[in-house]
Every structure is written in C-alpha cells, then in structure tokens.
PDB file of N, CA and C in Angstrom:
ATOM      1  N   MET A   1     -61.829 -67.640  48.885  1.00  0.00           N
ATOM      2  CA  MET A   1     -61.303 -66.807  49.947  1.00  0.00           C
ATOM      3  C   MET A   1     -60.109 -67.524  50.564  1.00  0.00           C
ATOM      4  N   ILE A   2     -59.107 -66.763  50.896  1.00  0.00           N
ATOM      5  CA  ILE A   2     -57.862 -67.337  51.406  1.00  0.00           C
ATOM      6  C   ILE A   2     -57.964 -67.736  52.880  1.00  0.00           C
ATOM      7  N   PHE A   3     -58.956 -67.216  53.593  1.00  0.00           N
ATOM      8  CA  PHE A   3     -59.125 -67.577  54.996  1.00  0.00           C
ATOM      9  C   PHE A   3     -60.575 -67.976  55.248  1.00  0.00           C
ATOM     10  N   SER A   4     -60.832 -68.527  56.424  1.00  0.00           N
ATOM     11  CA  SER A   4     -62.168 -69.039  56.732  1.00  0.00           C
ATOM     12  C   SER A   4     -63.182 -67.905  56.901  1.00  0.00           C
ATOM     13  N   LYS A   5     -64.442 -68.273  56.817  1.00  0.00           N
ATOM     14  CA  LYS A   5     -65.506 -67.283  57.009  1.00  0.00           C
ATOM     15  C   LYS A   5     -65.440 -66.701  58.416  1.00  0.00           C
ATOM     16  N   ALA A   6     -65.105 -67.540  59.401  1.00  0.00           N
ATOM     17  CA  ALA A   6     -64.979 -67.061  60.784  1.00  0.00           C
ATOM     18  C   ALA A   6     -63.873 -66.008  60.896  1.00  0.00           C
ATOM     19  N   GLU A   7     -62.749 -66.235  60.225  1.00  0.00           N
ATOM     20  CA  GLU A   7     -61.647 -65.259  60.220  1.00  0.00           C
ATOM     21  C   GLU A   7     -62.087 -63.967  59.550  1.00  0.00           C
ATOM     22  N   TYR A   8     -62.801 -64.081  58.430  1.00  0.00           N
ATOM     23  CA  TYR A   8     -63.315 -62.897  57.736  1.00  0.00           C
ATOM     24  C   TYR A   8     -64.216 -62.089  58.657  1.00  0.00           C
ATOM     25  N   LEU A   9     -65.155 -62.755  59.326  1.00  0.00           N
ATOM     26  CA  LEU A   9     -66.087 -62.057  60.217  1.00  0.00           C
ATOM     27  C   LEU A   9     -65.358 -61.415  61.391  1.00  0.00           C
ATOM     28  N   SER A  10     -64.316 -62.061  61.883  1.00  0.00           N
ATOM     29  CA  SER A  10     -63.517 -61.499  62.969  1.00  0.00           C
ATOM     30  C   SER A  10     -62.801 -60.227  62.514  1.00  0.00           C
ATOM     31  N   ARG A  11     -62.189 -60.282  61.356  1.00  0.00           N
ATOM     32  CA  ARG A  11     -61.481 -59.104  60.823  1.00  0.00           C
ATOM     33  C   ARG A  11     -62.461 -57.961  60.582  1.00  0.00           C
ATOM     34  N   LEU A  12     -63.611 -58.277  60.013  1.00  0.00           N
ATOM     35  CA  LEU A  12     -64.620 -57.266  59.743  1.00  0.00           C
ATOM     36  C   LEU A  12     -65.109 -56.620  61.039  1.00  0.00           C
ATOM     37  N   ALA A  13     -65.340 -57.424  62.064  1.00  0.00           N
ATOM     38  CA  ALA A  13     -65.787 -56.894  63.354  1.00  0.00           C
ATOM     39  C   ALA A  13     -64.745 -55.959  63.964  1.00  0.00           C
ATOM     40  N   LYS A  14     -63.468 -56.317  63.859  1.00  0.00           N
ATOM     41  CA  LYS A  14     -62.395 -55.468  64.393  1.00  0.00           C
ATOM     42  C   LYS A  14     -62.351 -54.125  63.678  1.00  0.00           C
ATOM     43  N   VAL A  15     -62.499 -54.158  62.358  1.00  0.00           N
ATOM     44  CA  VAL A  15     -62.474 -52.914  61.579  1.00  0.00           C
ATOM     45  C   VAL A  15     -63.687 -52.049  61.941  1.00  0.00           C
ATOM     46  N   LYS A  16     -64.853 -52.662  62.036  1.00  0.00           N
ATOM     47  CA  LYS A  16     -66.069 -51.909  62.385  1.00  0.00           C
ATOM     48  C   LYS A  16     -65.961 -51.308  63.786  1.00  0.00           C
ATOM     49  N   LYS A  17     -65.392 -52.061  64.729  1.00  0.00           N
ATOM     50  CA  LYS A  17     -65.223 -51.549  66.088  1.00  0.00           C
ATOM     51  C   LYS A  17     -64.291 -50.346  66.089  1.00  0.00           C
ATOM     52  N   SER A  18     -63.180 -50.455  65.379  1.00  0.00           N
ATOM     53  CA  SER A  18     -62.230 -49.351  65.301  1.00  0.00           C
ATOM     54  C   SER A  18     -62.864 -48.123  64.645  1.00  0.00           C
ATOM     55  N   MET A  19     -63.624 -48.362  63.588  1.00  0.00           N
ATOM     56  CA  MET A  19     -64.311 -47.251  62.920  1.00  0.00           C
ATOM     57  C   MET A  19     -65.302 -46.576  63.865  1.00  0.00           C
ATOM     58  N   ASP A  20     -66.041 -47.370  64.627  1.00  0.00           N
ATOM     59  CA  ASP A  20     -67.018 -46.829  65.568  1.00  0.00           C
ATOM     60  C   ASP A  20     -66.340 -45.981  66.638  1.00  0.00           C
ATOM     61  N   GLN A  21     -65.196 -46.447  67.134  1.00  0.00           N
ATOM     62  CA  GLN A  21     -64.455 -45.707  68.161  1.00  0.00           C
ATOM     63  C   GLN A  21     -63.959 -44.366  67.636  1.00  0.00           C
ATOM     64  N   LYS A  22     -63.746 -44.290  66.325  1.00  0.00           N
ATOM     65  CA  LYS A  22     -63.234 -43.056  65.711  1.00  0.00           C
ATOM     66  C   LYS A  22     -64.334 -42.252  65.023  1.00  0.00           C
ATOM     67  N   ASN A  23     -65.601 -42.665  65.237  1.00  0.00           N
ATOM     68  CA  ASN A  23     -66.771 -41.998  64.635  1.00  0.00           C
ATOM     69  C   ASN A  23     -66.665 -41.932  63.112  1.00  0.00           C
ATOM     70  N   MET A  24     -66.194 -43.006  62.518  1.00  0.00           N
ATOM     71  CA  MET A  24     -66.076 -43.078  61.065  1.00  0.00           C
ATOM     72  C   MET A  24     -67.302 -43.797  60.501  1.00  0.00           C
ATOM     73  N   ASP A  25     -67.894 -43.231  59.455  1.00  0.00           N
ATOM     74  CA  ASP A  25     -69.056 -43.837  58.821  1.00  0.00           C
ATOM     75  C   ASP A  25     -68.711 -44.624  57.569  1.00  0.00           C
ATOM     76  N   ILE A  26     -67.564 -44.305  56.989  1.00  0.00           N
ATOM     77  CA  ILE A  26     -67.182 -44.943  55.738  1.00  0.00           C
ATOM     78  C   ILE A  26     -65.682 -45.202  55.733  1.00  0.00           C
ATOM     79  N   LEU A  27     -65.307 -46.273  55.067  1.00  0.00           N
ATOM     80  CA  LEU A  27     -63.891 -46.617  54.926  1.00  0.00           C
ATOM     81  C   LEU A  27     -63.648 -46.936  53.455  1.00  0.00           C
ATOM     82  N   ILE A  28     -62.711 -46.251  52.861  1.00  0.00           N
ATOM     83  CA  ILE A  28     -62.357 -46.489  51.464  1.00  0.00           C
ATOM     84  C   ILE A  28     -60.950 -47.067  51.441  1.00  0.00           C
ATOM     85  N   LEU A  29     -60.854 -48.286  50.948  1.00  0.00           N
ATOM     86  CA  LEU A  29     -59.558 -48.953  50.864  1.00  0.00           C
ATOM     87  C   LEU A  29     -59.016 -48.820  49.448  1.00  0.00           C
ATOM     88  N   THR A  30     -57.787 -48.330  49.334  1.00  0.00           N
ATOM     89  CA  THR A  30     -57.168 -48.198  48.020  1.00  0.00           C
ATOM     90  C   THR A  30     -55.871 -48.980  47.905  1.00  0.00           C
ATOM     91  N   ASP A  31     -55.312 -49.365  49.039  1.00  0.00           N
ATOM     92  CA  ASP A  31     -54.066 -50.128  49.029  1.00  0.00           C
ATOM     93  C   ASP A  31     -54.400 -51.617  48.922  1.00  0.00           C
ATOM     94  N   PRO A  32     -53.844 -52.313  47.951  1.00  0.00           N
ATOM     95  CA  PRO A  32     -54.152 -53.741  47.791  1.00  0.00           C
ATOM     96  C   PRO A  32     -53.883 -54.588  49.035  1.00  0.00           C
ATOM     97  N   SER A  33     -52.878 -54.242  49.828  1.00  0.00           N
ATOM     98  CA  SER A  33     -52.608 -55.029  51.034  1.00  0.00           C
ATOM     99  C   SER A  33     -53.728 -54.877  52.058  1.00  0.00           C
ATOM    100  N   ASN A  34     -54.317 -53.683  52.148  1.00  0.00           N
ATOM    101  CA  ASN A  34     -55.447 -53.481  53.049  1.00  0.00           C
ATOM    102  C   ASN A  34     -56.685 -54.216  52.546  1.00  0.00           C
ATOM    103  N   MET A  35     -56.924 -54.179  51.243  1.00  0.00           N
ATOM    104  CA  MET A  35     -58.060 -54.902  50.669  1.00  0.00           C
ATOM    105  C   MET A  35     -57.899 -56.396  50.902  1.00  0.00           C
ATOM    106  N   ASN A  36     -56.667 -56.879  50.766  1.00  0.00           N
ATOM    107  CA  ASN A  36     -56.412 -58.295  50.970  1.00  0.00           C
ATOM    108  C   ASN A  36     -56.646 -58.689  52.420  1.00  0.00           C
ATOM    109  N   TYR A  37     -56.212 -57.883  53.354  1.00  0.00           N
ATOM    110  CA  TYR A  37     -56.410 -58.189  54.774  1.00  0.00           C
ATOM    111  C   TYR A  37     -57.892 -58.311  55.095  1.00  0.00           C
ATOM    112  N   LEU A  38     -58.689 -57.368  54.611  1.00  0.00           N
ATOM    113  CA  LEU A  38     -60.100 -57.330  54.994  1.00  0.00           C
ATOM    114  C   LEU A  38     -60.946 -58.329  54.222  1.00  0.00           C
ATOM    115  N   THR A  39     -60.673 -58.519  52.949  1.00  0.00           N
ATOM    116  CA  THR A  39     -61.583 -59.318  52.126  1.00  0.00           C
ATOM    117  C   THR A  39     -60.960 -60.592  51.551  1.00  0.00           C
ATOM    118  N   GLY A  40     -59.630 -60.653  51.544  1.00  0.00           N
ATOM    119  CA  GLY A  40     -58.967 -61.787  50.913  1.00  0.00           C
ATOM    120  C   GLY A  40     -58.772 -61.582  49.420  1.00  0.00           C
ATOM    121  N   TYR A  41     -59.230 -60.444  48.902  1.00  0.00           N
ATOM    122  CA  TYR A  41     -59.080 -60.146  47.471  1.00  0.00           C
ATOM    123  C   TYR A  41     -57.624 -59.838  47.161  1.00  0.00           C
ATOM    124  N   ASP A  42     -57.099 -60.501  46.139  1.00  0.00           N
ATOM    125  CA  ASP A  42     -55.723 -60.288  45.715  1.00  0.00           C
ATOM    126  C   ASP A  42     -55.716 -59.400  44.480  1.00  0.00           C
ATOM    127  N   GLY A  43     -55.515 -58.114  44.676  1.00  0.00           N
ATOM    128  CA  GLY A  43     -55.550 -57.167  43.566  1.00  0.00           C
ATOM    129  C   GLY A  43     -54.190 -56.827  43.008  1.00  0.00           C
ATOM    130  N   TRP A  44     -53.202 -57.656  43.266  1.00  0.00           N
ATOM    131  CA  TRP A  44     -51.844 -57.358  42.809  1.00  0.00           C
ATOM    132  C   TRP A  44     -51.648 -57.700  41.336  1.00  0.00           C
ATOM    133  N   SER A  45     -52.564 -58.443  40.758  1.00  0.00           N
ATOM    134  CA  SER A  45     -52.345 -58.875  39.371  1.00  0.00           C
ATOM    135  C   SER A  45     -52.586 -57.783  38.366  1.00  0.00           C
TER     136      SER A  45
END
C-alpha cells in the first residue's frame, strides 16, 4: 500500500460519512484515480 493503514482508514471513514449523508448504500468506483485514492491500488498498468 502506498500510504499508511491509518491514512487508509481515514480516507475510508470520510467516504463512508459522505455516503451516509447522501443516503448511499453502495459505491462503484470505475475511474483508476478514484480507486487509487481510496485503496492505493494502481490500475493504470
């Protein structure tokens, strides 16, 4: 992972909070930059 576990958990919490505020139950990420932000996965290859 490109960032620390604490950073990952912080990013995940922010996304979950935003989803909750918008009454969203599911989030589907298709853009590699969004996947990279949330998980650190580099899907550009």
